[in-house]
Amino acid sequence: MQILPQLWDDRHSMMKLVEQYAGIGDLESRGESIPRVGYRIARYQGFIEQSGLPVPGVHRIEGTLDTAANLEPLIGQSLTLRMEDGRALAITIADTSGRVLAEGHGPSRCLCC
């Protein structure tokens, strides 16, 4: 999986892979759902290089979706992926191949807070 360039210029932090998810879930947008979407997601956390401490709110989610549904109308929209284990993840589809991306933290991103 390709890691896209960081969107900030902080030479004292780095990104580390902290979780990977794979399974079948539902993709939701504006009250509509695409069921049985395969997903492979990697979550990277920002860390301060010198201390190794995590940087709150600095993370990146990358991955792919596998579905027969037409994803083109959903490119760039805020979507929710409901994963097999019940967690919800805010994602954005980057292209028609199903590549997904999300950055940041909070109610509009990770849905955990």
N, C-alpha and C. Protein backbone atom coordinates (compact mmCIF):
# COMPACT_ATOMS: atom_id res chain seq x y z
N MET A 1 0.85 -1.17 0.00
CA MET A 1 0.00 0.00 0.00
C MET A 1 0.90 1.24 0.00
N GLN A 2 0.58 2.20 -0.82
CA GLN A 2 1.36 3.43 -0.92
C GLN A 2 0.95 4.41 0.16
N ILE A 3 1.90 4.98 0.85
CA ILE A 3 1.62 6.03 1.83
C ILE A 3 1.75 7.36 1.12
N LEU A 4 0.70 8.14 1.13
CA LEU A 4 0.71 9.44 0.47
C LEU A 4 1.52 10.43 1.29
N PRO A 5 2.06 11.47 0.65
CA PRO A 5 2.87 12.45 1.39
C PRO A 5 2.08 13.11 2.50
N GLN A 6 2.76 13.45 3.58
CA GLN A 6 2.12 14.15 4.68
C GLN A 6 1.69 15.53 4.21
N LEU A 7 0.60 16.01 4.77
CA LEU A 7 0.07 17.31 4.37
C LEU A 7 0.57 18.44 5.25
N TRP A 8 1.51 18.16 6.12
CA TRP A 8 2.09 19.20 6.96
C TRP A 8 3.61 19.07 6.90
N ASP A 9 4.30 20.16 7.20
CA ASP A 9 5.75 20.17 7.13
C ASP A 9 6.31 20.23 8.54
N ASP A 10 6.32 19.09 9.22
CA ASP A 10 6.87 19.01 10.57
C ASP A 10 7.98 17.97 10.55
N ARG A 11 9.20 18.41 10.52
CA ARG A 11 10.33 17.50 10.39
C ARG A 11 10.62 16.74 11.69
N HIS A 12 9.89 17.04 12.76
CA HIS A 12 10.16 16.39 14.04
C HIS A 12 9.08 15.37 14.40
N SER A 13 8.20 15.05 13.48
CA SER A 13 7.21 14.01 13.75
C SER A 13 7.26 12.98 12.64
N MET A 14 6.69 11.80 12.91
CA MET A 14 6.67 10.74 11.92
C MET A 14 5.38 9.95 12.08
N MET A 15 5.03 9.19 11.07
CA MET A 15 3.82 8.39 11.10
C MET A 15 4.20 6.92 11.26
N LYS A 16 3.45 6.22 12.14
CA LYS A 16 3.68 4.79 12.35
C LYS A 16 2.36 4.05 12.16
N LEU A 17 2.43 2.89 11.55
CA LEU A 17 1.27 2.03 11.41
C LEU A 17 0.88 1.51 12.79
N VAL A 18 -0.37 1.77 13.22
CA VAL A 18 -0.80 1.32 14.56
C VAL A 18 -1.94 0.31 14.51
N GLU A 19 -2.72 0.28 13.43
CA GLU A 19 -3.82 -0.69 13.32
C GLU A 19 -4.09 -1.01 11.86
N GLN A 20 -4.57 -2.23 11.63
CA GLN A 20 -5.05 -2.62 10.31
C GLN A 20 -6.40 -3.30 10.49
N TYR A 21 -7.32 -2.99 9.58
CA TYR A 21 -8.65 -3.58 9.61
C TYR A 21 -8.92 -4.22 8.26
N ALA A 22 -9.62 -5.34 8.26
CA ALA A 22 -10.06 -5.97 7.01
C ALA A 22 -11.36 -6.71 7.31
N GLY A 23 -12.27 -6.67 6.36
CA GLY A 23 -13.52 -7.37 6.56
C GLY A 23 -14.57 -6.92 5.57
N ILE A 24 -15.82 -7.16 5.95
CA ILE A 24 -16.98 -6.79 5.15
C ILE A 24 -17.84 -5.86 5.99
N GLY A 25 -18.18 -4.71 5.45
CA GLY A 25 -18.99 -3.75 6.20
C GLY A 25 -19.99 -3.06 5.30
N ASP A 26 -20.59 -2.01 5.81
CA ASP A 26 -21.56 -1.22 5.07
C ASP A 26 -21.03 0.19 4.91
N LEU A 27 -21.23 0.75 3.72
CA LEU A 27 -20.82 2.11 3.43
C LEU A 27 -22.06 2.99 3.44
N GLU A 28 -22.04 4.05 4.25
CA GLU A 28 -23.22 4.90 4.40
C GLU A 28 -22.94 6.32 3.94
N SER A 29 -23.95 6.90 3.28
CA SER A 29 -23.87 8.28 2.81
C SER A 29 -25.27 8.86 2.76
N ARG A 30 -25.46 9.96 3.50
CA ARG A 30 -26.74 10.68 3.47
C ARG A 30 -27.96 9.77 3.64
N GLY A 31 -27.89 8.88 4.61
CA GLY A 31 -29.02 8.01 4.92
C GLY A 31 -29.17 6.81 4.02
N GLU A 32 -28.34 6.67 3.01
CA GLU A 32 -28.38 5.50 2.13
C GLU A 32 -27.18 4.62 2.44
N SER A 33 -27.32 3.32 2.15
CA SER A 33 -26.28 2.37 2.50
C SER A 33 -25.94 1.47 1.32
N ILE A 34 -24.66 1.19 1.18
CA ILE A 34 -24.19 0.17 0.23
C ILE A 34 -23.73 -1.00 1.11
N PRO A 35 -24.47 -2.10 1.10
CA PRO A 35 -24.12 -3.22 1.97
C PRO A 35 -23.01 -4.09 1.39
N ARG A 36 -22.39 -4.87 2.27
CA ARG A 36 -21.42 -5.90 1.90
C ARG A 36 -20.25 -5.33 1.10
N VAL A 37 -19.61 -4.32 1.65
CA VAL A 37 -18.44 -3.70 1.03
C VAL A 37 -17.19 -4.28 1.69
N GLY A 38 -16.31 -4.86 0.90
CA GLY A 38 -15.04 -5.34 1.43
C GLY A 38 -14.13 -4.16 1.71
N TYR A 39 -13.35 -4.24 2.78
CA TYR A 39 -12.43 -3.15 3.11
C TYR A 39 -11.12 -3.68 3.65
N ARG A 40 -10.06 -2.94 3.37
CA ARG A 40 -8.74 -3.15 3.95
C ARG A 40 -8.25 -1.76 4.30
N ILE A 41 -8.09 -1.50 5.58
CA ILE A 41 -7.79 -0.17 6.08
C ILE A 41 -6.54 -0.23 6.97
N ALA A 42 -5.68 0.78 6.83
CA ALA A 42 -4.51 0.93 7.72
C ALA A 42 -4.62 2.29 8.39
N ARG A 43 -4.36 2.31 9.71
CA ARG A 43 -4.39 3.58 10.45
C ARG A 43 -2.99 3.90 10.94
N TYR A 44 -2.52 5.09 10.59
CA TYR A 44 -1.20 5.56 10.96
C TYR A 44 -1.36 6.67 12.00
N GLN A 45 -0.52 6.66 13.01
CA GLN A 45 -0.55 7.66 14.08
C GLN A 45 0.71 8.51 13.99
N GLY A 46 0.56 9.81 14.20
CA GLY A 46 1.71 10.70 14.25
C GLY A 46 2.43 10.58 15.58
N PHE A 47 3.73 10.52 15.54
CA PHE A 47 4.56 10.44 16.74
C PHE A 47 5.65 11.49 16.66
N ILE A 48 6.07 11.99 17.83
CA ILE A 48 7.21 12.89 17.89
C ILE A 48 8.47 12.04 17.83
N GLU A 49 9.32 12.33 16.89
CA GLU A 49 10.48 11.49 16.63
C GLU A 49 11.42 11.39 17.83
N GLN A 50 11.70 12.51 18.49
CA GLN A 50 12.67 12.49 19.59
C GLN A 50 12.16 11.70 20.79
N SER A 51 10.89 11.86 21.14
CA SER A 51 10.39 11.23 22.37
C SER A 51 9.61 9.94 22.11
N GLY A 52 9.10 9.77 20.90
CA GLY A 52 8.29 8.59 20.61
C GLY A 52 6.87 8.70 21.11
N LEU A 53 6.48 9.87 21.61
CA LEU A 53 5.12 10.06 22.12
C LEU A 53 4.15 10.34 20.97
N PRO A 54 2.91 9.83 21.06
CA PRO A 54 1.93 10.10 20.01
C PRO A 54 1.50 11.57 20.02
N VAL A 55 1.17 12.08 18.85
CA VAL A 55 0.67 13.44 18.71
C VAL A 55 -0.85 13.36 18.60
N PRO A 56 -1.58 13.83 19.61
CA PRO A 56 -3.04 13.73 19.58
C PRO A 56 -3.61 14.43 18.34
N GLY A 57 -4.53 13.76 17.69
CA GLY A 57 -5.21 14.34 16.54
C GLY A 57 -4.46 14.21 15.23
N VAL A 58 -3.26 13.69 15.25
CA VAL A 58 -2.51 13.53 14.01
C VAL A 58 -2.52 12.06 13.62
N HIS A 59 -3.41 11.73 12.70
CA HIS A 59 -3.44 10.37 12.18
C HIS A 59 -3.90 10.39 10.73
N ARG A 60 -3.68 9.30 10.08
CA ARG A 60 -4.05 9.15 8.67
C ARG A 60 -4.62 7.75 8.48
N ILE A 61 -5.71 7.67 7.74
CA ILE A 61 -6.34 6.40 7.42
C ILE A 61 -6.26 6.22 5.92
N GLU A 62 -5.72 5.08 5.48
CA GLU A 62 -5.60 4.75 4.07
C GLU A 62 -6.10 3.35 3.85
N GLY A 63 -6.59 3.07 2.65
CA GLY A 63 -7.01 1.73 2.36
C GLY A 63 -7.76 1.62 1.06
N THR A 64 -8.48 0.51 0.93
CA THR A 64 -9.25 0.26 -0.29
C THR A 64 -10.60 -0.36 0.07
N LEU A 65 -11.57 -0.11 -0.80
CA LEU A 65 -12.89 -0.72 -0.71
C LEU A 65 -13.07 -1.61 -1.92
N ASP A 66 -13.80 -2.71 -1.74
CA ASP A 66 -14.08 -3.63 -2.83
C ASP A 66 -15.59 -3.83 -2.91
N THR A 67 -16.19 -3.29 -3.96
CA THR A 67 -17.63 -3.41 -4.14
C THR A 67 -17.96 -3.34 -5.62
N ALA A 68 -19.08 -3.94 -6.00
CA ALA A 68 -19.56 -3.85 -7.39
C ALA A 68 -20.29 -2.54 -7.64
N ALA A 69 -20.59 -1.79 -6.57
CA ALA A 69 -21.32 -0.53 -6.70
C ALA A 69 -20.46 0.52 -7.42
N ASN A 70 -21.12 1.44 -8.10
CA ASN A 70 -20.44 2.54 -8.77
C ASN A 70 -20.02 3.56 -7.72
N LEU A 71 -18.73 3.72 -7.52
CA LEU A 71 -18.21 4.63 -6.50
C LEU A 71 -17.98 6.04 -7.01
N GLU A 72 -18.04 6.24 -8.31
CA GLU A 72 -17.72 7.55 -8.88
C GLU A 72 -18.55 8.70 -8.28
N PRO A 73 -19.88 8.54 -8.07
CA PRO A 73 -20.63 9.65 -7.48
C PRO A 73 -20.25 9.95 -6.03
N LEU A 74 -19.53 9.04 -5.38
CA LEU A 74 -19.18 9.20 -3.97
C LEU A 74 -17.79 9.77 -3.76
N ILE A 75 -17.02 9.96 -4.83
CA ILE A 75 -15.65 10.47 -4.71
C ILE A 75 -15.69 11.85 -4.07
N GLY A 76 -14.89 12.03 -3.01
CA GLY A 76 -14.77 13.31 -2.33
C GLY A 76 -15.83 13.59 -1.28
N GLN A 77 -16.84 12.74 -1.17
CA GLN A 77 -17.89 12.95 -0.18
C GLN A 77 -17.49 12.37 1.18
N SER A 78 -18.06 12.93 2.24
CA SER A 78 -17.86 12.38 3.57
C SER A 78 -18.76 11.15 3.71
N LEU A 79 -18.14 10.00 3.99
CA LEU A 79 -18.86 8.73 4.10
C LEU A 79 -18.55 8.08 5.44
N THR A 80 -19.38 7.13 5.82
CA THR A 80 -19.14 6.36 7.03
C THR A 80 -19.03 4.89 6.65
N LEU A 81 -17.95 4.27 7.07
CA LEU A 81 -17.78 2.83 6.89
C LEU A 81 -18.12 2.16 8.21
N ARG A 82 -19.16 1.36 8.22
CA ARG A 82 -19.53 0.57 9.41
C ARG A 82 -18.84 -0.78 9.28
N MET A 83 -17.85 -0.99 10.14
CA MET A 83 -17.03 -2.19 10.05
C MET A 83 -17.70 -3.38 10.73
N GLU A 84 -17.18 -4.57 10.45
CA GLU A 84 -17.72 -5.82 10.99
C GLU A 84 -17.84 -5.82 12.50
N ASP A 85 -16.88 -5.19 13.17
CA ASP A 85 -16.86 -5.21 14.64
C ASP A 85 -17.76 -4.14 15.25
N GLY A 86 -18.50 -3.39 14.41
CA GLY A 86 -19.44 -2.40 14.92
C GLY A 86 -18.90 -0.98 14.96
N ARG A 87 -17.58 -0.83 14.82
CA ARG A 87 -17.02 0.53 14.82
C ARG A 87 -17.39 1.25 13.53
N ALA A 88 -17.43 2.58 13.61
CA ALA A 88 -17.71 3.42 12.45
C ALA A 88 -16.49 4.28 12.17
N LEU A 89 -16.17 4.43 10.91
CA LEU A 89 -15.00 5.18 10.50
C LEU A 89 -15.41 6.16 9.40
N ALA A 90 -15.11 7.44 9.61
CA ALA A 90 -15.37 8.46 8.59
C ALA A 90 -14.27 8.39 7.54
N ILE A 91 -14.65 8.23 6.29
CA ILE A 91 -13.68 8.10 5.20
C ILE A 91 -14.10 8.96 4.02
N THR A 92 -13.19 9.11 3.10
CA THR A 92 -13.45 9.77 1.82
C THR A 92 -12.88 8.87 0.73
N ILE A 93 -13.66 8.62 -0.31
CA ILE A 93 -13.18 7.85 -1.45
C ILE A 93 -12.39 8.78 -2.35
N ALA A 94 -11.17 8.36 -2.70
CA ALA A 94 -10.27 9.21 -3.47
C ALA A 94 -10.38 8.99 -4.98
N ASP A 95 -10.77 7.77 -5.41
CA ASP A 95 -10.86 7.51 -6.84
C ASP A 95 -11.79 6.33 -7.11
N THR A 96 -12.02 6.04 -8.39
CA THR A 96 -12.98 4.99 -8.77
C THR A 96 -12.49 3.58 -8.45
N SER A 97 -11.20 3.42 -8.15
CA SER A 97 -10.69 2.10 -7.80
C SER A 97 -11.07 1.70 -6.37
N GLY A 98 -11.60 2.66 -5.59
CA GLY A 98 -12.00 2.38 -4.21
C GLY A 98 -10.97 2.78 -3.18
N ARG A 99 -9.96 3.54 -3.57
CA ARG A 99 -8.96 3.99 -2.60
C ARG A 99 -9.60 4.98 -1.64
N VAL A 100 -9.34 4.81 -0.34
CA VAL A 100 -9.94 5.68 0.68
C VAL A 100 -8.85 6.40 1.46
N LEU A 101 -9.24 7.55 2.02
CA LEU A 101 -8.31 8.37 2.76
C LEU A 101 -9.08 9.18 3.80
N ALA A 102 -8.51 9.35 4.97
CA ALA A 102 -9.06 10.25 5.99
C ALA A 102 -7.90 10.72 6.84
N GLU A 103 -7.97 11.97 7.28
CA GLU A 103 -6.95 12.52 8.16
C GLU A 103 -7.60 13.29 9.27
N GLY A 104 -6.92 13.36 10.42
CA GLY A 104 -7.43 14.15 11.52
C GLY A 104 -8.16 13.32 12.56
N HIS A 105 -8.90 14.02 13.43
CA HIS A 105 -9.55 13.36 14.54
C HIS A 105 -10.74 14.21 14.96
N GLY A 106 -11.75 13.60 15.51
CA GLY A 106 -12.88 14.34 16.04
C GLY A 106 -14.20 13.89 15.43
N PRO A 107 -15.28 14.52 15.81
CA PRO A 107 -16.62 14.08 15.40
C PRO A 107 -16.81 13.97 13.89
N SER A 108 -16.12 14.79 13.11
CA SER A 108 -16.29 14.72 11.67
C SER A 108 -15.34 13.71 11.02
N ARG A 109 -14.50 13.05 11.79
CA ARG A 109 -13.53 12.12 11.23
C ARG A 109 -13.68 10.70 11.76
N CYS A 110 -13.27 10.47 12.99
CA CYS A 110 -13.18 9.09 13.48
C CYS A 110 -14.48 8.60 14.11
N LEU A 111 -15.39 9.47 14.47
CA LEU A 111 -16.67 9.14 15.09
C LEU A 111 -16.51 8.46 16.45
N CYS A 112 -15.32 8.52 17.05
CA CYS A 112 -15.14 7.92 18.37
C CYS A 112 -15.40 8.93 19.48
N CYS A 113 -15.48 10.20 19.15
CA CYS A 113 -15.68 11.21 20.19
C CYS A 113 -16.64 12.30 19.72
